[in-house]
Amino acid sequence: METENGSHQFTIKGCSLAKGMSPGRYIQSDVFSVNGYDWVIYFYPDGKNPEENSTYVSVSLFIALASDSSDIRALFELTLMDQSGRGRHKVRSHFDRALEGGPYTLKYKGSMW
C-alpha cells in the first residue's frame, strides 16, 4: 500500500469578524492536492447546523474530497492556530485512532469529515 503525506495552510483573515454569519454559512479554502486527489477545507464560524449553535458556542471545520473519486482512505489532522501564532489548538485528528480502526474512507466527491 502506497502512502502519501501532505499539508495545507488555510488562513482566514478577520476570523472574529466572521462570527455572526449564521449557522450553515462557511468560508472555503482554495482547492489543494495531495497524491493526485483534490481537497478543500470548509470553516463554519457559527457551526454547520442551527441546532448545534443553540446549545453551545460552535465552530465547525471540515475537510472534503474535491476530486471525482470514490473510496479514498485518508488520515488527517485539522488544527486551529490563534492570531499571535503562539498557540495550536487541535480540533480533530485521525492519528489518535487505534491502528485497527484504520483510516477514514471518503465515499464520493463532496464527502466530508
Protein backbone atom coordinates (compact mmCIF):
# COMPACT_ATOMS: atom_id res chain seq x y z
CA MET A 1 0.00 0.00 0.00
CA GLU A 2 1.38 3.39 -1.01
CA THR A 3 1.24 6.27 1.47
CA GLU A 4 1.48 9.97 0.63
CA ASN A 5 1.81 12.86 3.06
CA GLY A 6 0.77 16.45 2.50
CA SER A 7 -0.35 19.57 4.28
CA HIS A 8 -2.26 22.75 3.59
CA GLN A 9 -2.42 26.02 5.47
CA PHE A 10 -5.77 27.81 5.28
CA THR A 11 -5.57 31.37 6.62
CA ILE A 12 -8.74 33.26 7.47
CA LYS A 13 -8.07 36.96 7.91
CA GLY A 14 -10.51 38.68 10.25
CA CYS A 15 -11.78 35.38 11.59
CA SER A 16 -13.52 37.01 14.56
CA LEU A 17 -15.48 39.19 12.11
CA ALA A 18 -16.91 36.05 10.52
CA LYS A 19 -18.83 35.19 13.70
CA GLY A 20 -22.48 36.09 13.18
CA MET A 21 -22.59 34.91 9.52
CA SER A 22 -25.30 32.45 10.72
CA PRO A 23 -25.18 28.66 11.05
CA GLY A 24 -24.65 26.79 7.78
CA ARG A 25 -22.65 29.58 6.08
CA TYR A 26 -19.00 28.82 5.50
CA ILE A 27 -15.65 30.11 4.32
CA GLN A 28 -13.90 27.76 1.88
CA SER A 29 -10.18 27.19 1.37
CA ASP A 30 -8.57 27.03 -2.04
CA VAL A 31 -8.55 23.54 -3.54
CA PHE A 32 -5.28 21.75 -2.80
CA SER A 33 -3.90 18.43 -3.99
CA VAL A 34 -2.32 15.51 -2.14
CA ASN A 35 -1.29 12.36 -4.02
CA GLY A 36 -3.33 13.35 -7.06
CA TYR A 37 -6.56 13.93 -5.11
CA ASP A 38 -8.10 17.36 -4.65
CA TRP A 39 -9.28 18.51 -1.23
CA VAL A 40 -10.96 21.57 0.25
CA ILE A 41 -11.49 22.79 3.83
CA TYR A 42 -14.77 24.34 5.00
CA PHE A 43 -14.88 26.61 8.06
CA TYR A 44 -18.31 27.33 9.58
CA PRO A 45 -17.77 30.16 12.11
CA ASP A 46 -21.27 29.70 13.60
CA GLY A 47 -21.49 25.94 13.19
CA LYS A 48 -22.83 23.86 10.34
CA ASN A 49 -26.32 23.26 11.75
CA PRO A 50 -28.60 25.75 13.58
CA GLU A 51 -29.36 23.22 16.32
CA GLU A 52 -25.64 22.97 17.20
CA ASN A 53 -25.37 26.71 17.74
CA SER A 54 -28.41 26.97 20.02
CA THR A 55 -26.92 24.63 22.63
CA TYR A 56 -23.33 25.87 22.85
CA VAL A 57 -20.76 28.03 21.10
CA SER A 58 -19.89 26.14 17.97
CA VAL A 59 -17.28 26.36 15.24
CA SER A 60 -17.23 23.61 12.63
CA LEU A 61 -14.28 22.63 10.46
CA PHE A 62 -14.47 20.00 7.72
CA ILE A 63 -12.13 18.53 5.13
CA ALA A 64 -13.83 17.37 1.93
CA LEU A 65 -12.83 15.36 -1.11
CA ALA A 66 -13.00 17.62 -4.18
CA SER A 67 -11.98 15.00 -6.77
CA ASP A 68 -14.26 12.77 -8.80
CA SER A 69 -13.13 9.69 -6.91
CA SER A 70 -14.56 7.13 -4.54
CA ASP A 71 -13.45 5.17 -1.50
CA ILE A 72 -10.40 7.30 -0.75
CA ARG A 73 -8.79 6.28 2.53
CA ALA A 74 -7.20 9.10 4.49
CA LEU A 75 -5.79 10.00 7.88
CA PHE A 76 -5.82 13.69 8.70
CA GLU A 77 -5.41 16.27 11.41
CA LEU A 78 -7.16 19.64 11.49
CA THR A 79 -5.80 22.35 13.79
CA LEU A 80 -6.63 25.95 14.59
CA MET A 81 -3.90 28.46 15.38
CA ASP A 82 -4.52 31.71 17.23
CA GLN A 83 -3.68 35.06 15.59
CA SER A 84 -0.48 35.52 17.58
CA GLY A 85 0.89 32.27 16.17
CA ARG A 86 1.83 31.10 19.66
CA GLY A 87 -0.91 28.52 20.16
CA ARG A 88 -2.03 25.45 18.26
CA HIS A 89 -5.35 24.03 19.25
CA LYS A 90 -6.13 20.57 17.91
CA VAL A 91 -9.61 20.21 16.51
CA ARG A 92 -9.66 16.61 15.32
CA SER A 93 -7.10 14.01 14.41
CA HIS A 94 -7.46 10.56 12.91
CA PHE A 95 -3.90 9.88 14.02
CA ASP A 96 -5.27 9.37 17.56
CA ARG A 97 -7.37 6.41 16.42
CA ALA A 98 -6.34 2.88 17.27
CA LEU A 99 -4.45 1.31 14.37
CA GLU A 100 -7.12 -1.35 13.91
CA GLY A 101 -9.69 1.46 13.41
CA GLY A 102 -7.85 2.34 10.21
CA PRO A 103 -8.18 5.48 8.12
CA TYR A 104 -11.42 7.26 7.33
CA THR A 105 -12.96 6.43 3.93
CA LEU A 106 -14.45 9.24 1.83
CA LYS A 107 -17.03 7.60 -0.43
CA TYR A 108 -17.53 10.19 -3.19
CA LYS A 109 -16.77 13.75 -4.36
CA GLY A 110 -18.13 16.09 -1.72
CA SER A 111 -17.74 13.62 1.15
CA MET A 112 -16.54 15.48 4.19
CA TRP A 113 -15.41 14.79 7.70
